[in-house]
């Protein structure tokens, strides 16, 4: 059986390069590509790849939330984060969301194949530059995942989805359409987000999203 891989990045040239590198390995095939996080989740559910390689800064749904949904909806799919960002918060969040690997794009030529091979065998793989951060986030459990930390003071997953869409300029009606909820429900979520984060304008929300790498600056 070939190793089936999903590649998700909003830049076509990056996806093309990743496909070429991954398929240079005998028996490996990129079974699907995605240009945004929501598409990545849909294709993970449809194709059930063995490994999903995700960027963090994708439109419509960022890599953290996409990881969380893939881990829930396609639990047999291992998630590898491939990104330019190595902040403590991002490393912690994606590991808590269910990713088993995290490497930097600068290291892709050296580490990508080894990382995918490790995940294929359900083993964790972290770039050396992020392994120390991962250790701070919590020791991996026996299955290689990091235990979920308290989310008492964080937004819910649905609120994080909506925050990203609002920060990208979507209206309440557009958010409702994308998520299959009523406009009133979208408005309620928006109000809760603003209240929880003590925001008073959309500008505050956008700045928060950029600062926390939820959207690209």
Protein backbone atom coordinates (compact mmCIF):
# COMPACT_ATOMS: atom_id res chain seq x y z
CA UNK A 1 0.00 0.00 0.00
CA UNK A 2 1.38 3.46 -0.88
CA UNK A 3 1.73 6.12 1.78
CA UNK A 4 -1.02 8.66 1.08
CA UNK A 5 -0.31 12.30 1.94
CA UNK A 6 -2.41 15.47 1.99
CA UNK A 7 -0.56 18.77 1.41
CA UNK A 8 -2.22 22.02 2.52
CA UNK A 9 -0.69 25.44 1.88
CA UNK A 10 -2.22 28.58 0.38
CA UNK A 11 0.70 29.03 -2.05
CA UNK A 12 0.53 26.87 -5.19
CA UNK A 13 4.31 26.97 -5.73
CA UNK A 14 4.87 25.63 -2.19
CA UNK A 15 2.42 22.77 -2.73
CA UNK A 16 4.11 21.91 -6.02
CA UNK A 17 7.54 21.83 -4.39
CA UNK A 18 6.30 19.71 -1.49
CA UNK A 19 4.62 17.26 -3.86
CA UNK A 20 7.83 16.84 -5.85
CA UNK A 21 9.90 16.27 -2.71
CA UNK A 22 7.43 13.86 -1.12
CA UNK A 23 6.85 11.84 -4.28
CA UNK A 24 10.60 11.44 -4.77
CA UNK A 25 10.26 8.76 -2.09
CA UNK A 26 9.28 5.40 -3.56
CA UNK A 27 5.77 4.34 -2.58
CA UNK A 28 4.67 7.79 -1.41
CA UNK A 29 1.92 9.74 -3.17
CA UNK A 30 0.22 13.08 -2.58
CA UNK A 31 -3.43 12.04 -2.78
CA UNK A 32 -4.86 15.54 -2.32
CA UNK A 33 -3.94 19.22 -2.07
CA UNK A 34 -5.72 22.07 -0.29
CA UNK A 35 -5.32 25.84 -0.55
CA UNK A 36 -7.01 26.74 2.75
CA UNK A 37 -7.69 25.19 6.12
CA UNK A 38 -11.35 24.44 5.54
CA UNK A 39 -10.53 22.61 2.32
CA UNK A 40 -7.81 20.69 4.16
CA UNK A 41 -10.33 19.38 6.68
CA UNK A 42 -12.80 18.45 3.93
CA UNK A 43 -10.16 16.56 1.95
CA UNK A 44 -8.81 14.82 5.06
CA UNK A 45 -12.30 13.50 5.72
CA UNK A 46 -12.85 12.55 2.06
CA UNK A 47 -9.45 10.97 1.29
CA UNK A 48 -8.40 9.69 4.75
CA UNK A 49 -4.66 10.30 4.10
CA UNK A 50 -2.07 8.65 6.30
CA UNK A 51 -0.31 12.01 6.87
CA UNK A 52 -1.49 15.60 6.44
CA UNK A 53 1.18 18.28 5.99
CA UNK A 54 -0.30 21.64 7.00
CA UNK A 55 0.86 25.25 7.04
CA UNK A 56 -0.22 27.45 9.95
CA UNK A 57 -1.22 30.66 8.18
CA UNK A 58 -3.99 29.45 5.85
CA UNK A 59 -7.13 31.46 5.01
CA UNK A 60 -10.66 30.57 6.20
CA UNK A 61 -9.28 28.21 8.85
CA UNK A 62 -5.74 28.37 10.22
CA UNK A 63 -3.51 25.36 10.74
CA UNK A 64 -4.19 25.08 14.46
CA UNK A 65 -7.95 24.80 14.02
CA UNK A 66 -7.57 22.60 10.94
CA UNK A 67 -5.37 20.26 12.98
CA UNK A 68 -7.95 20.11 15.74
CA UNK A 69 -10.74 19.23 13.30
CA UNK A 70 -8.71 16.67 11.36
CA UNK A 71 -7.65 15.00 14.62
CA UNK A 72 -11.33 14.72 15.55
CA UNK A 73 -12.87 13.83 12.17
CA UNK A 74 -10.07 11.69 10.68
CA UNK A 75 -8.23 10.35 13.75
CA UNK A 76 -6.11 7.91 11.74
CA UNK A 77 -4.52 10.82 9.87
CA UNK A 78 -1.29 12.04 11.45
CA UNK A 79 -0.73 15.80 11.23
CA UNK A 80 2.63 17.40 10.48
CA UNK A 81 2.90 21.18 10.77
CA UNK A 82 5.29 22.76 8.26
CA UNK A 83 5.59 26.50 8.85
CA UNK A 84 7.84 29.55 9.10
CA UNK A 85 6.65 30.26 12.65
CA UNK A 86 8.28 28.83 15.78
CA UNK A 87 6.64 30.83 18.58
CA UNK A 88 6.09 29.10 21.92
CA UNK A 89 2.34 29.66 21.73
CA UNK A 90 1.93 28.15 18.26
CA UNK A 91 4.02 25.07 19.03
CA UNK A 92 2.04 24.47 22.20
CA UNK A 93 -1.32 25.01 20.54
CA UNK A 94 -0.77 22.69 17.57
CA UNK A 95 0.58 19.90 19.76
CA UNK A 96 -2.42 20.26 22.05
CA UNK A 97 -4.66 20.23 18.97
CA UNK A 98 -3.33 16.79 18.01
CA UNK A 99 -0.36 17.32 15.68
CA UNK A 100 2.42 14.78 16.12
CA UNK A 101 5.07 16.66 14.11
CA UNK A 102 6.26 20.25 13.75
CA UNK A 103 9.06 21.38 11.46
CA UNK A 104 10.12 24.71 10.02
CA UNK A 105 10.06 25.45 6.29
CA UNK A 106 13.73 26.46 6.48
CA UNK A 107 14.48 22.87 7.50
CA UNK A 108 12.15 21.15 5.02
CA UNK A 109 14.88 19.97 2.66
CA UNK A 110 16.63 18.23 5.57
CA UNK A 111 13.71 17.14 7.74
CA UNK A 112 10.51 16.72 5.72
CA UNK A 113 11.02 13.16 4.54
CA UNK A 114 12.29 12.03 7.94
CA UNK A 115 9.35 13.73 9.65
CA UNK A 116 6.76 12.10 7.39
CA UNK A 117 8.46 8.74 7.81
CA UNK A 118 8.29 9.12 11.60
CA UNK A 119 4.61 10.04 11.50
CA UNK A 120 3.96 7.12 9.16
CA UNK A 121 5.14 4.93 12.03
CA UNK A 122 3.06 6.97 14.52
CA UNK A 123 6.18 8.47 16.08
CA UNK A 124 6.54 12.18 16.94
CA UNK A 125 9.00 14.37 15.04
CA UNK A 126 9.99 17.91 16.03
CA UNK A 127 12.61 20.24 14.58
CA UNK A 128 15.42 20.74 17.05
CA UNK A 129 14.54 24.43 17.27
CA UNK A 130 11.04 23.68 18.53
CA UNK A 131 11.67 20.60 20.66
CA UNK A 132 12.52 22.70 23.72
CA UNK A 133 9.29 24.66 23.31
CA UNK A 134 7.37 21.40 23.00
CA UNK A 135 8.90 20.16 26.24
CA UNK A 136 7.52 23.23 28.00
CA UNK A 137 4.08 22.49 26.60
CA UNK A 138 4.02 19.10 28.32
CA UNK A 139 5.53 15.66 27.90
CA UNK A 140 4.00 13.51 25.14
CA UNK A 141 1.61 10.79 26.21
CA UNK A 142 2.26 7.17 25.34
CA UNK A 143 0.66 7.67 21.92
CA UNK A 144 2.93 10.62 21.15
CA UNK A 145 0.41 13.39 21.68
CA UNK A 146 0.58 16.15 24.25
CA UNK A 147 -2.04 16.31 26.97
CA UNK A 148 -4.62 19.04 26.58
CA UNK A 149 -3.99 22.01 28.83
CA UNK A 150 -6.73 23.94 30.53
CA UNK A 151 -8.65 26.10 28.07
CA UNK A 152 -10.60 27.94 30.77
CA UNK A 153 -9.48 31.37 29.62
CA UNK A 154 -9.46 30.68 25.89
CA UNK A 155 -12.06 30.98 23.19
CA UNK A 156 -13.97 27.88 22.13
CA UNK A 157 -12.95 26.21 18.84
CA UNK A 158 -16.04 27.65 17.13
CA UNK A 159 -15.24 31.12 18.47
CA UNK A 160 -11.69 30.85 17.14
CA UNK A 161 -13.05 29.90 13.72
CA UNK A 162 -15.36 32.90 13.73
CA UNK A 163 -12.65 35.23 15.00
CA UNK A 164 -10.48 34.31 12.02
CA UNK A 165 -13.29 34.83 9.53
CA UNK A 166 -14.21 38.20 11.05
CA UNK A 167 -10.55 39.27 11.06
CA UNK A 168 -10.40 38.35 7.36
CA UNK A 169 -13.24 40.80 6.73
CA UNK A 170 -16.21 38.44 6.52
CA UNK A 171 -19.63 39.79 7.53
CA UNK A 172 -21.90 38.05 10.03
CA UNK A 173 -23.99 36.81 7.08
CA UNK A 174 -20.91 35.43 5.29
CA UNK A 175 -19.71 33.74 8.50
CA UNK A 176 -23.12 32.15 8.94
CA UNK A 177 -23.09 30.86 5.37
CA UNK A 178 -19.60 29.38 5.64
CA UNK A 179 -20.32 27.63 8.93
CA UNK A 180 -23.92 26.60 8.29
CA UNK A 181 -25.32 28.55 11.24
CA UNK A 182 -27.91 31.30 11.51
CA UNK A 183 -26.94 34.97 11.27
CA UNK A 184 -28.24 35.44 14.82
CA UNK A 185 -25.95 32.68 16.09
CA UNK A 186 -23.00 34.26 14.29
CA UNK A 187 -23.84 37.60 15.88
CA UNK A 188 -24.01 35.97 19.31
CA UNK A 189 -20.61 34.34 18.84
CA UNK A 190 -19.16 37.65 17.71
CA UNK A 191 -20.53 39.38 20.79
CA UNK A 192 -19.10 36.67 23.06
CA UNK A 193 -15.67 36.97 21.40
CA UNK A 194 -15.60 40.73 21.88
CA UNK A 195 -16.70 40.35 25.50
CA UNK A 196 -14.21 37.60 26.39
CA UNK A 197 -11.28 39.45 24.85
CA UNK A 198 -12.46 42.89 26.00
CA UNK A 199 -12.42 44.23 22.46
CA UNK A 200 -14.32 47.35 21.43
CA UNK A 201 -13.84 47.36 17.65
CA UNK A 202 -13.06 45.12 14.70
CA UNK A 203 -9.64 46.80 14.60
CA UNK A 204 -8.88 45.33 18.02
CA UNK A 205 -9.93 41.92 16.73
CA UNK A 206 -7.75 42.16 13.61
CA UNK A 207 -4.71 43.24 15.62
CA UNK A 208 -5.20 40.30 17.98
CA UNK A 209 -5.53 37.88 15.05
CA UNK A 210 -2.34 39.15 13.41
CA UNK A 211 -0.37 39.19 16.67
CA UNK A 212 -1.38 35.60 17.44
CA UNK A 213 -0.71 34.36 13.87
CA UNK A 214 -4.39 33.53 13.36
CA UNK A 215 -4.20 35.46 10.11
CA UNK A 216 -1.25 36.72 8.13
CA UNK A 217 -0.21 40.33 8.80
